[in-house]
Amino acid sequence: MLFIDASQEFEKVKNQNKLRESDIDKIVNTYINREEIDKYSHRASLEEIKENDFNLNIPRYVDTFEEEEPVDLDEVCKELEKISEEMKEVDAEIKKYCDELGIKAPLF
């Protein structure tokens, strides 16, 4: 049995998505050629389907998971510290202008 996950193969159009000619061609060619394409299609044997309790949900057979890039927490902390320092400078500038105007600065 061939499973095809074409859920990312379409053009977004307002309220209803649309299959483009190229999307249709890819689906049809994959089916005709019984191709296995990483993150798109998978040929499953009856034994594999049986092992999955005959569950035919496509994600069980076609893994579309994309690994996220790791987050450099040290870099994030440095950026937050930089933003915090910039905020202090901006707050001081706002306070200066508010003092000149004789109004209370909206600082928290």
PDB file of N, CA and C in Angstrom:
ATOM      1  N   MET A   1       0.852  -1.157   0.000  1.00  0.00           N
ATOM      2  CA  MET A   1       0.000   0.000   0.000  1.00  0.00           C
ATOM      3  C   MET A   1       0.905   1.229   0.000  1.00  0.00           C
ATOM      4  N   LEU A   2       0.576   2.215  -0.809  1.00  0.00           N
ATOM      5  CA  LEU A   2       1.354   3.444  -0.903  1.00  0.00           C
ATOM      6  C   LEU A   2       0.620   4.564  -0.167  1.00  0.00           C
ATOM      7  N   PHE A   3       1.339   5.206   0.744  1.00  0.00           N
ATOM      8  CA  PHE A   3       0.799   6.349   1.469  1.00  0.00           C
ATOM      9  C   PHE A   3       1.474   7.603   0.937  1.00  0.00           C
ATOM     10  N   ILE A   4       0.674   8.614   0.619  1.00  0.00           N
ATOM     11  CA  ILE A   4       1.192   9.887   0.133  1.00  0.00           C
ATOM     12  C   ILE A   4       0.652  10.990   1.031  1.00  0.00           C
ATOM     13  N   ASP A   5       1.567  11.794   1.558  1.00  0.00           N
ATOM     14  CA  ASP A   5       1.168  12.950   2.356  1.00  0.00           C
ATOM     15  C   ASP A   5       1.425  14.199   1.520  1.00  0.00           C
ATOM     16  N   ALA A   6       0.412  14.642   0.821  1.00  0.00           N
ATOM     17  CA  ALA A   6       0.521  15.819  -0.037  1.00  0.00           C
ATOM     18  C   ALA A   6      -0.066  17.053   0.654  1.00  0.00           C
ATOM     19  N   SER A   7      -0.092  17.024   1.969  1.00  0.00           N
ATOM     20  CA  SER A   7      -0.736  18.104   2.721  1.00  0.00           C
ATOM     21  C   SER A   7      -0.005  19.438   2.609  1.00  0.00           C
ATOM     22  N   GLN A   8       1.229  19.421   2.135  1.00  0.00           N
ATOM     23  CA  GLN A   8       1.975  20.671   1.970  1.00  0.00           C
ATOM     24  C   GLN A   8       2.065  21.084   0.501  1.00  0.00           C
ATOM     25  N   GLU A   9       1.417  20.332  -0.366  1.00  0.00           N
ATOM     26  CA  GLU A   9       1.512  20.552  -1.809  1.00  0.00           C
ATOM     27  C   GLU A   9       0.255  21.250  -2.319  1.00  0.00           C
ATOM     28  N   PHE A  10       0.173  22.561  -2.112  1.00  0.00           N
ATOM     29  CA  PHE A  10      -0.986  23.306  -2.586  1.00  0.00           C
ATOM     30  C   PHE A  10      -0.652  24.790  -2.572  1.00  0.00           C
ATOM     31  N   GLU A  11      -1.527  25.551  -3.169  1.00  0.00           N
ATOM     32  CA  GLU A  11      -1.414  27.006  -3.158  1.00  0.00           C
ATOM     33  C   GLU A  11      -2.486  27.543  -2.223  1.00  0.00           C
ATOM     34  N   LYS A  12      -2.078  28.418  -1.312  1.00  0.00           N
ATOM     35  CA  LYS A  12      -3.060  29.008  -0.397  1.00  0.00           C
ATOM     36  C   LYS A  12      -3.826  30.097  -1.140  1.00  0.00           C
ATOM     37  N   VAL A  13      -5.143  29.942  -1.177  1.00  0.00           N
ATOM     38  CA  VAL A  13      -6.009  30.907  -1.854  1.00  0.00           C
ATOM     39  C   VAL A  13      -7.161  31.225  -0.924  1.00  0.00           C
ATOM     40  N   LYS A  14      -7.170  32.433  -0.391  1.00  0.00           N
ATOM     41  CA  LYS A  14      -8.217  32.924   0.510  1.00  0.00           C
ATOM     42  C   LYS A  14      -8.853  31.832   1.366  1.00  0.00           C
ATOM     43  N   ASN A  15     -10.122  31.498   1.106  1.00  0.00           N
ATOM     44  CA  ASN A  15     -10.851  30.557   1.954  1.00  0.00           C
ATOM     45  C   ASN A  15     -10.676  29.098   1.557  1.00  0.00           C
ATOM     46  N   GLN A  16     -10.139  28.859   0.372  1.00  0.00           N
ATOM     47  CA  GLN A  16     -10.032  27.480  -0.098  1.00  0.00           C
ATOM     48  C   GLN A  16      -8.689  27.295  -0.783  1.00  0.00           C
ATOM     49  N   ASN A  17      -7.930  26.287  -0.366  1.00  0.00           N
ATOM     50  CA  ASN A  17      -6.644  26.019  -0.983  1.00  0.00           C
ATOM     51  C   ASN A  17      -6.846  25.364  -2.344  1.00  0.00           C
ATOM     52  N   LYS A  18      -5.809  25.458  -3.182  1.00  0.00           N
ATOM     53  CA  LYS A  18      -5.944  24.979  -4.548  1.00  0.00           C
ATOM     54  C   LYS A  18      -4.741  24.119  -4.920  1.00  0.00           C
ATOM     55  N   LEU A  19      -4.999  22.960  -5.512  1.00  0.00           N
ATOM     56  CA  LEU A  19      -3.922  22.132  -6.045  1.00  0.00           C
ATOM     57  C   LEU A  19      -3.479  22.730  -7.376  1.00  0.00           C
ATOM     58  N   ARG A  20      -2.173  22.952  -7.496  1.00  0.00           N
ATOM     59  CA  ARG A  20      -1.622  23.440  -8.750  1.00  0.00           C
ATOM     60  C   ARG A  20      -1.372  22.240  -9.664  1.00  0.00           C
ATOM     61  N   GLU A  21      -1.157  22.521 -10.923  1.00  0.00           N
ATOM     62  CA  GLU A  21      -0.865  21.450 -11.887  1.00  0.00           C
ATOM     63  C   GLU A  21       0.363  20.644 -11.445  1.00  0.00           C
ATOM     64  N   SER A  22       1.376  21.347 -10.949  1.00  0.00           N
ATOM     65  CA  SER A  22       2.600  20.663 -10.502  1.00  0.00           C
ATOM     66  C   SER A  22       2.328  19.766  -9.290  1.00  0.00           C
ATOM     67  N   ASP A  23       1.411  20.181  -8.409  1.00  0.00           N
ATOM     68  CA  ASP A  23       1.051  19.363  -7.241  1.00  0.00           C
ATOM     69  C   ASP A  23       0.360  18.087  -7.686  1.00  0.00           C
ATOM     70  N   ILE A  24      -0.554  18.236  -8.611  1.00  0.00           N
ATOM     71  CA  ILE A  24      -1.285  17.078  -9.137  1.00  0.00           C
ATOM     72  C   ILE A  24      -0.319  16.130  -9.825  1.00  0.00           C
ATOM     73  N   ASP A  25       0.595  16.682 -10.639  1.00  0.00           N
ATOM     74  CA  ASP A  25       1.585  15.848 -11.337  1.00  0.00           C
ATOM     75  C   ASP A  25       2.440  15.063 -10.346  1.00  0.00           C
ATOM     76  N   LYS A  26       2.863  15.726  -9.268  1.00  0.00           N
ATOM     77  CA  LYS A  26       3.710  15.049  -8.277  1.00  0.00           C
ATOM     78  C   LYS A  26       2.946  13.901  -7.620  1.00  0.00           C
ATOM     79  N   ILE A  27       1.707  14.152  -7.254  1.00  0.00           N
ATOM     80  CA  ILE A  27       0.886  13.110  -6.624  1.00  0.00           C
ATOM     81  C   ILE A  27       0.695  11.935  -7.580  1.00  0.00           C
ATOM     82  N   VAL A  28       0.289  12.233  -8.798  1.00  0.00           N
ATOM     83  CA  VAL A  28       0.009  11.183  -9.782  1.00  0.00           C
ATOM     84  C   VAL A  28       1.279  10.411 -10.122  1.00  0.00           C
ATOM     85  N   ASN A  29       2.389  11.110 -10.362  1.00  0.00           N
ATOM     86  CA  ASN A  29       3.640  10.421 -10.701  1.00  0.00           C
ATOM     87  C   ASN A  29       4.151   9.565  -9.554  1.00  0.00           C
ATOM     88  N   THR A  30       4.013  10.060  -8.341  1.00  0.00           N
ATOM     89  CA  THR A  30       4.421   9.269  -7.175  1.00  0.00           C
ATOM     90  C   THR A  30       3.588   8.001  -7.091  1.00  0.00           C
ATOM     91  N   TYR A  31       2.305   8.126  -7.347  1.00  0.00           N
ATOM     92  CA  TYR A  31       1.408   6.975  -7.295  1.00  0.00           C
ATOM     93  C   TYR A  31       1.727   5.985  -8.420  1.00  0.00           C
ATOM     94  N   ILE A  32       1.844   6.487  -9.635  1.00  0.00           N
ATOM     95  CA  ILE A  32       2.090   5.603 -10.788  1.00  0.00           C
ATOM     96  C   ILE A  32       3.422   4.866 -10.628  1.00  0.00           C
ATOM     97  N   ASN A  33       4.457   5.584 -10.177  1.00  0.00           N
ATOM     98  CA  ASN A  33       5.792   4.990 -10.046  1.00  0.00           C
ATOM     99  C   ASN A  33       6.002   4.297  -8.706  1.00  0.00           C
ATOM    100  N   ARG A  34       4.980   4.371  -7.842  1.00  0.00           N
ATOM    101  CA  ARG A  34       5.055   3.743  -6.515  1.00  0.00           C
ATOM    102  C   ARG A  34       6.335   4.165  -5.790  1.00  0.00           C
ATOM    103  N   GLU A  35       6.645   5.469  -5.879  1.00  0.00           N
ATOM    104  CA  GLU A  35       7.887   6.010  -5.337  1.00  0.00           C
ATOM    105  C   GLU A  35       7.819   6.225  -3.833  1.00  0.00           C
ATOM    106  N   GLU A  36       8.957   6.003  -3.199  1.00  0.00           N
ATOM    107  CA  GLU A  36       9.125   6.387  -1.797  1.00  0.00           C
ATOM    108  C   GLU A  36       9.930   7.670  -1.806  1.00  0.00           C
ATOM    109  N   ILE A  37       9.334   8.731  -1.295  1.00  0.00           N
ATOM    110  CA  ILE A  37       9.994  10.037  -1.230  1.00  0.00           C
ATOM    111  C   ILE A  37       9.987  10.469   0.230  1.00  0.00           C
ATOM    112  N   ASP A  38      11.169  10.799   0.730  1.00  0.00           N
ATOM    113  CA  ASP A  38      11.312  11.181   2.132  1.00  0.00           C
ATOM    114  C   ASP A  38      10.350  12.313   2.482  1.00  0.00           C
ATOM    115  N   LYS A  39       9.619  12.139   3.565  1.00  0.00           N
ATOM    116  CA  LYS A  39       8.649  13.108   4.100  1.00  0.00           C
ATOM    117  C   LYS A  39       7.472  13.369   3.158  1.00  0.00           C
ATOM    118  N   TYR A  40       7.267  12.472   2.180  1.00  0.00           N
ATOM    119  CA  TYR A  40       6.165  12.653   1.226  1.00  0.00           C
ATOM    120  C   TYR A  40       5.383  11.358   0.985  1.00  0.00           C
ATOM    121  N   SER A  41       6.105  10.251   0.776  1.00  0.00           N
ATOM    122  CA  SER A  41       5.392   9.003   0.493  1.00  0.00           C
ATOM    123  C   SER A  41       6.138   7.811   1.091  1.00  0.00           C
ATOM    124  N   HIS A  42       5.372   6.731   1.282  1.00  0.00           N
ATOM    125  CA  HIS A  42       5.952   5.511   1.852  1.00  0.00           C
ATOM    126  C   HIS A  42       5.173   4.301   1.356  1.00  0.00           C
ATOM    127  N   ARG A  43       5.913   3.285   0.932  1.00  0.00           N
ATOM    128  CA  ARG A  43       5.298   2.008   0.554  1.00  0.00           C
ATOM    129  C   ARG A  43       5.323   1.107   1.782  1.00  0.00           C
ATOM    130  N   ALA A  44       4.155   0.779   2.248  1.00  0.00           N
ATOM    131  CA  ALA A  44       4.060  -0.061   3.443  1.00  0.00           C
ATOM    132  C   ALA A  44       3.616  -1.465   3.044  1.00  0.00           C
ATOM    133  N   SER A  45       4.251  -2.435   3.650  1.00  0.00           N
ATOM    134  CA  SER A  45       3.848  -3.823   3.413  1.00  0.00           C
ATOM    135  C   SER A  45       2.622  -4.139   4.265  1.00  0.00           C
ATOM    136  N   LEU A  46       1.939  -5.198   3.911  1.00  0.00           N
ATOM    137  CA  LEU A  46       0.786  -5.633   4.701  1.00  0.00           C
ATOM    138  C   LEU A  46       1.230  -5.961   6.127  1.00  0.00           C
ATOM    139  N   GLU A  47       2.427  -6.503   6.261  1.00  0.00           N
ATOM    140  CA  GLU A  47       2.958  -6.822   7.590  1.00  0.00           C
ATOM    141  C   GLU A  47       3.135  -5.552   8.429  1.00  0.00           C
ATOM    142  N   GLU A  48       3.654  -4.477   7.809  1.00  0.00           N
ATOM    143  CA  GLU A  48       3.828  -3.216   8.525  1.00  0.00           C
ATOM    144  C   GLU A  48       2.472  -2.638   8.951  1.00  0.00           C
ATOM    145  N   ILE A  49       1.500  -2.735   8.062  1.00  0.00           N
ATOM    146  CA  ILE A  49       0.150  -2.253   8.381  1.00  0.00           C
ATOM    147  C   ILE A  49      -0.450  -3.082   9.511  1.00  0.00           C
ATOM    148  N   LYS A  50      -0.224  -4.379   9.458  1.00  0.00           N
ATOM    149  CA  LYS A  50      -0.719  -5.268  10.517  1.00  0.00           C
ATOM    150  C   LYS A  50      -0.074  -4.896  11.856  1.00  0.00           C
ATOM    151  N   GLU A  51       1.248  -4.603  11.841  1.00  0.00           N
ATOM    152  CA  GLU A  51       1.958  -4.203  13.059  1.00  0.00           C
ATOM    153  C   GLU A  51       1.375  -2.918  13.648  1.00  0.00           C
ATOM    154  N   ASN A  52       0.784  -2.107  12.794  1.00  0.00           N
ATOM    155  CA  ASN A  52       0.148  -0.868  13.236  1.00  0.00           C
ATOM    156  C   ASN A  52      -1.348  -1.056  13.482  1.00  0.00           C
ATOM    157  N   ASP A  53      -1.742  -2.290  13.744  1.00  0.00           N
ATOM    158  CA  ASP A  53      -3.144  -2.616  14.032  1.00  0.00           C
ATOM    159  C   ASP A  53      -4.088  -2.142  12.934  1.00  0.00           C
ATOM    160  N   PHE A  54      -3.610  -2.192  11.700  1.00  0.00           N
ATOM    161  CA  PHE A  54      -4.392  -1.806  10.521  1.00  0.00           C
ATOM    162  C   PHE A  54      -4.834  -0.349  10.560  1.00  0.00           C
ATOM    163  N   ASN A  55      -4.103   0.438  11.322  1.00  0.00           N
ATOM    164  CA  ASN A  55      -4.354   1.883  11.371  1.00  0.00           C
ATOM    165  C   ASN A  55      -3.785   2.484  10.086  1.00  0.00           C
ATOM    166  N   LEU A  56      -4.622   3.158   9.308  1.00  0.00           N
ATOM    167  CA  LEU A  56      -4.202   3.697   8.012  1.00  0.00           C
ATOM    168  C   LEU A  56      -3.978   5.208   8.027  1.00  0.00           C
ATOM    169  N   ASN A  57      -3.791   5.784   9.200  1.00  0.00           N
ATOM    170  CA  ASN A  57      -3.498   7.215   9.277  1.00  0.00           C
ATOM    171  C   ASN A  57      -2.147   7.494   8.628  1.00  0.00           C
ATOM    172  N   ILE A  58      -2.131   8.423   7.707  1.00  0.00           N
ATOM    173  CA  ILE A  58      -0.922   8.715   6.932  1.00  0.00           C
ATOM    174  C   ILE A  58       0.279   9.058   7.812  1.00  0.00           C
ATOM    175  N   PRO A  59       0.136   9.884   8.858  1.00  0.00           N
ATOM    176  CA  PRO A  59       1.313  10.223   9.671  1.00  0.00           C
ATOM    177  C   PRO A  59       1.985   9.016  10.327  1.00  0.00           C
ATOM    178  N   ARG A  60       1.284   7.929  10.442  1.00  0.00           N
ATOM    179  CA  ARG A  60       1.877   6.721  11.002  1.00  0.00           C
ATOM    180  C   ARG A  60       2.922   6.133  10.048  1.00  0.00           C
ATOM    181  N   TYR A  61       2.805   6.450   8.780  1.00  0.00           N
ATOM    182  CA  TYR A  61       3.676   5.866   7.763  1.00  0.00           C
ATOM    183  C   TYR A  61       4.601   6.883   7.098  1.00  0.00           C
ATOM    184  N   VAL A  62       4.152   8.121   6.977  1.00  0.00           N
ATOM    185  CA  VAL A  62       4.961   9.159   6.337  1.00  0.00           C
ATOM    186  C   VAL A  62       5.357  10.159   7.419  1.00  0.00           C
ATOM    187  N   ASP A  63       6.638  10.147   7.768  1.00  0.00           N
ATOM    188  CA  ASP A  63       7.144  11.032   8.817  1.00  0.00           C
ATOM    189  C   ASP A  63       7.471  12.382   8.207  1.00  0.00           C
ATOM    190  N   THR A  64       6.688  13.405   8.542  1.00  0.00           N
ATOM    191  CA  THR A  64       6.914  14.748   8.004  1.00  0.00           C
ATOM    192  C   THR A  64       7.548  15.677   9.035  1.00  0.00           C
ATOM    193  N   PHE A  65       7.972  15.109  10.160  1.00  0.00           N
ATOM    194  CA  PHE A  65       8.550  15.914  11.234  1.00  0.00           C
ATOM    195  C   PHE A  65       9.820  16.606  10.754  1.00  0.00           C
ATOM    196  N   GLU A  66       9.904  17.907  10.987  1.00  0.00           N
ATOM    197  CA  GLU A  66      11.089  18.692  10.653  1.00  0.00           C
ATOM    198  C   GLU A  66      11.796  19.047  11.956  1.00  0.00           C
ATOM    199  N   GLU A  67      13.050  18.692  12.029  1.00  0.00           N
ATOM    200  CA  GLU A  67      13.857  19.004  13.204  1.00  0.00           C
ATOM    201  C   GLU A  67      14.047  20.517  13.290  1.00  0.00           C
ATOM    202  N   GLU A  68      13.772  21.083  14.451  1.00  0.00           N
ATOM    203  CA  GLU A  68      13.972  22.514  14.638  1.00  0.00           C
ATOM    204  C   GLU A  68      15.442  22.785  14.933  1.00  0.00           C
ATOM    205  N   GLU A  69      15.887  23.961  14.501  1.00  0.00           N
ATOM    206  CA  GLU A  69      17.262  24.333  14.788  1.00  0.00           C
ATOM    207  C   GLU A  69      17.415  24.545  16.288  1.00  0.00           C
ATOM    208  N   PRO A  70      18.549  24.115  16.845  1.00  0.00           N
ATOM    209  CA  PRO A  70      18.749  24.306  18.284  1.00  0.00           C
ATOM    210  C   PRO A  70      18.847  25.787  18.617  1.00  0.00           C
ATOM    211  N   VAL A  71      18.378  26.121  19.801  1.00  0.00           N
ATOM    212  CA  VAL A  71      18.409  27.504  20.273  1.00  0.00           C
ATOM    213  C   VAL A  71      19.653  27.684  21.131  1.00  0.00           C
ATOM    214  N   ASP A  72      20.442  28.703  20.813  1.00  0.00           N
ATOM    215  CA  ASP A  72      21.639  29.023  21.587  1.00  0.00           C
ATOM    216  C   ASP A  72      21.195  29.890  22.766  1.00  0.00           C
ATOM    217  N   LEU A  73      20.995  29.254  23.920  1.00  0.00           N
ATOM    218  CA  LEU A  73      20.475  29.969  25.089  1.00  0.00           C
ATOM    219  C   LEU A  73      21.429  31.048  25.582  1.00  0.00           C
ATOM    220  N   ASP A  74      22.732  30.824  25.448  1.00  0.00           N
ATOM    221  CA  ASP A  74      23.690  31.867  25.847  1.00  0.00           C
ATOM    222  C   ASP A  74      23.492  33.109  24.987  1.00  0.00           C
ATOM    223  N   GLU A  75      23.286  32.919  23.693  1.00  0.00           N
ATOM    224  CA  GLU A  75      23.065  34.047  22.784  1.00  0.00           C
ATOM    225  C   GLU A  75      21.748  34.747  23.096  1.00  0.00           C
ATOM    226  N   VAL A  76      20.717  33.973  23.418  1.00  0.00           N
ATOM    227  CA  VAL A  76      19.424  34.553  23.785  1.00  0.00           C
ATOM    228  C   VAL A  76      19.574  35.393  25.051  1.00  0.00           C
ATOM    229  N   CYS A  77      20.304  34.896  26.033  1.00  0.00           N
ATOM    230  CA  CYS A  77      20.517  35.649  27.282  1.00  0.00           C
ATOM    231  C   CYS A  77      21.261  36.951  27.014  1.00  0.00           C
ATOM    232  N   LYS A  78      22.279  36.890  26.148  1.00  0.00           N
ATOM    233  CA  LYS A  78      23.027  38.104  25.802  1.00  0.00           C
ATOM    234  C   LYS A  78      22.107  39.122  25.130  1.00  0.00           C
ATOM    235  N   GLU A  79      21.266  38.641  24.233  1.00  0.00           N
ATOM    236  CA  GLU A  79      20.335  39.533  23.532  1.00  0.00           C
ATOM    237  C   GLU A  79      19.338  40.157  24.506  1.00  0.00           C
ATOM    238  N   LEU A  80      18.843  39.363  25.461  1.00  0.00           N
ATOM    239  CA  LEU A  80      17.915  39.894  26.470  1.00  0.00           C
ATOM    240  C   LEU A  80      18.587  40.938  27.352  1.00  0.00           C
ATOM    241  N   GLU A  81      19.841  40.691  27.715  1.00  0.00           N
ATOM    242  CA  GLU A  81      20.584  41.670  28.513  1.00  0.00           C
ATOM    243  C   GLU A  81      20.762  42.970  27.728  1.00  0.00           C
ATOM    244  N   LYS A  82      21.082  42.849  26.438  1.00  0.00           N
ATOM    245  CA  LYS A  82      21.258  44.024  25.584  1.00  0.00           C
ATOM    246  C   LYS A  82      19.944  44.811  25.493  1.00  0.00           C
ATOM    247  N   ILE A  83      18.844  44.107  25.305  1.00  0.00           N
ATOM    248  CA  ILE A  83      17.526  44.754  25.220  1.00  0.00           C
ATOM    249  C   ILE A  83      17.196  45.442  26.541  1.00  0.00           C
ATOM    250  N   SER A  84      17.503  44.776  27.640  1.00  0.00           N
ATOM    251  CA  SER A  84      17.243  45.359  28.962  1.00  0.00           C
ATOM    252  C   SER A  84      18.020  46.656  29.142  1.00  0.00           C
ATOM    253  N   GLU A  85      19.275  46.681  28.729  1.00  0.00           N
ATOM    254  CA  GLU A  85      20.091  47.892  28.830  1.00  0.00           C
ATOM    255  C   GLU A  85      19.519  49.000  27.947  1.00  0.00           C
ATOM    256  N   GLU A  86      19.088  48.636  26.739  1.00  0.00           N
ATOM    257  CA  GLU A  86      18.488  49.620  25.833  1.00  0.00           C
ATOM    258  C   GLU A  86      17.200  50.180  26.430  1.00  0.00           C
ATOM    259  N   MET A  87      16.432  49.322  27.083  1.00  0.00           N
ATOM    260  CA  MET A  87      15.184  49.767  27.721  1.00  0.00           C
ATOM    261  C   MET A  87      15.474  50.773  28.839  1.00  0.00           C
ATOM    262  N   LYS A  88      16.529  50.514  29.601  1.00  0.00           N
ATOM    263  CA  LYS A  88      16.903  51.446  30.676  1.00  0.00           C
ATOM    264  C   LYS A  88      17.251  52.815  30.085  1.00  0.00           C
ATOM    265  N   GLU A  89      17.978  52.812  28.971  1.00  0.00           N
ATOM    266  CA  GLU A  89      18.353  54.073  28.320  1.00  0.00           C
ATOM    267  C   GLU A  89      17.104  54.792  27.807  1.00  0.00           C
ATOM    268  N   VAL A  90      16.198  54.057  27.191  1.00  0.00           N
ATOM    269  CA  VAL A  90      14.963  54.645  26.668  1.00  0.00           C
ATOM    270  C   VAL A  90      14.116  55.182  27.821  1.00  0.00           C
ATOM    271  N   ASP A  91      14.008  54.425  28.902  1.00  0.00           N
ATOM    272  CA  ASP A  91      13.242  54.879  30.068  1.00  0.00           C
ATOM    273  C   ASP A  91      13.833  56.168  30.638  1.00  0.00           C
ATOM    274  N   ALA A  92      15.172  56.255  30.688  1.00  0.00           N
ATOM    275  CA  ALA A  92      15.826  57.453  31.211  1.00  0.00           C
ATOM    276  C   ALA A  92      15.518  58.649  30.300  1.00  0.00           C
ATOM    277  N   GLU A  93      15.527  58.416  28.996  1.00  0.00           N
ATOM    278  CA  GLU A  93      15.224  59.477  28.038  1.00  0.00           C
ATOM    279  C   GLU A  93      13.774  59.941  28.193  1.00  0.00           C
ATOM    280  N   ILE A  94      12.861  59.002  28.336  1.00  0.00           N
ATOM    281  CA  ILE A  94      11.444  59.345  28.532  1.00  0.00           C
ATOM    282  C   ILE A  94      11.273  60.140  29.824  1.00  0.00           C
ATOM    283  N   LYS A  95      11.938  59.699  30.886  1.00  0.00           N
ATOM    284  CA  LYS A  95      11.839  60.404  32.170  1.00  0.00           C
ATOM    285  C   LYS A  95      12.342  61.829  32.043  1.00  0.00           C
ATOM    286  N   LYS A  96      13.452  61.997  31.317  1.00  0.00           N
ATOM    287  CA  LYS A  96      14.016  63.333  31.114  1.00  0.00           C
ATOM    288  C   LYS A  96      12.996  64.247  30.429  1.00  0.00           C
ATOM    289  N   TYR A  97      12.359  63.763  29.365  1.00  0.00           N
ATOM    290  CA  TYR A  97      11.372  64.572  28.652  1.00  0.00           C
ATOM    291  C   TYR A  97      10.147  64.858  29.527  1.00  0.00           C
ATOM    292  N   CYS A  98       9.715  63.865  30.269  1.00  0.00           N
ATOM    293  CA  CYS A  98       8.554  64.059  31.146  1.00  0.00           C
ATOM    294  C   CYS A  98       8.870  65.081  32.237  1.00  0.00           C
ATOM    295  N   ASP A  99      10.105  65.032  32.788  1.00  0.00           N
ATOM    296  CA  ASP A  99      10.511  66.004  33.800  1.00  0.00           C
ATOM    297  C   ASP A  99      10.489  67.414  33.216  1.00  0.00           C
ATOM    298  N   GLU A 100      10.960  67.548  31.978  1.00  0.00           N
ATOM    299  CA  GLU A 100      10.962  68.859  31.320  1.00  0.00           C
ATOM    300  C   GLU A 100       9.535  69.379  31.145  1.00  0.00           C
ATOM    301  N   LEU A 101       8.604  68.447  30.886  1.00  0.00           N
ATOM    302  CA  LEU A 101       7.216  68.835  30.686  1.00  0.00           C
ATOM    303  C   LEU A 101       6.434  68.958  32.001  1.00  0.00           C
ATOM    304  N   GLY A 102       7.083  68.527  33.069  1.00  0.00           N
ATOM    305  CA  GLY A 102       6.434  68.601  34.383  1.00  0.00           C
ATOM    306  C   GLY A 102       5.337  67.577  34.570  1.00  0.00           C
ATOM    307  N   ILE A 103       5.483  66.434  33.923  1.00  0.00           N
ATOM    308  CA  ILE A 103       4.486  65.357  34.076  1.00  0.00           C
ATOM    309  C   ILE A 103       5.165  64.113  34.607  1.00  0.00           C
ATOM    310  N   LYS A 104       4.340  63.252  35.138  1.00  0.00           N
ATOM    311  CA  LYS A 104       4.851  62.004  35.680  1.00  0.00           C
ATOM    312  C   LYS A 104       5.234  61.062  34.537  1.00  0.00           C
ATOM    313  N   ALA A 105       6.401  60.479  34.627  1.00  0.00           N
ATOM    314  CA  ALA A 105       6.867  59.552  33.587  1.00  0.00           C
ATOM    315  C   ALA A 105       6.125  58.230  33.696  1.00  0.00           C
ATOM    316  N   PRO A 106       5.701  57.676  32.568  1.00  0.00           N
ATOM    317  CA  PRO A 106       4.970  56.386  32.593  1.00  0.00           C
ATOM    318  C   PRO A 106       5.924  55.201  32.677  1.00  0.00           C
ATOM    319  N   LEU A 107       6.717  55.151  33.730  1.00  0.00           N
ATOM    320  CA  LEU A 107       7.683  54.087  33.891  1.00  0.00           C
ATOM    321  C   LEU A 107       7.181  53.090  34.938  1.00  0.00           C
ATOM    322  N   PHE A 108       7.475  51.877  34.713  1.00  0.00           N
ATOM    323  CA  PHE A 108       6.988  50.814  35.607  1.00  0.00           C
ATOM    324  C   PHE A 108       8.124  50.170  36.331  1.00  0.00           C
TER     325      PHE A 108
END
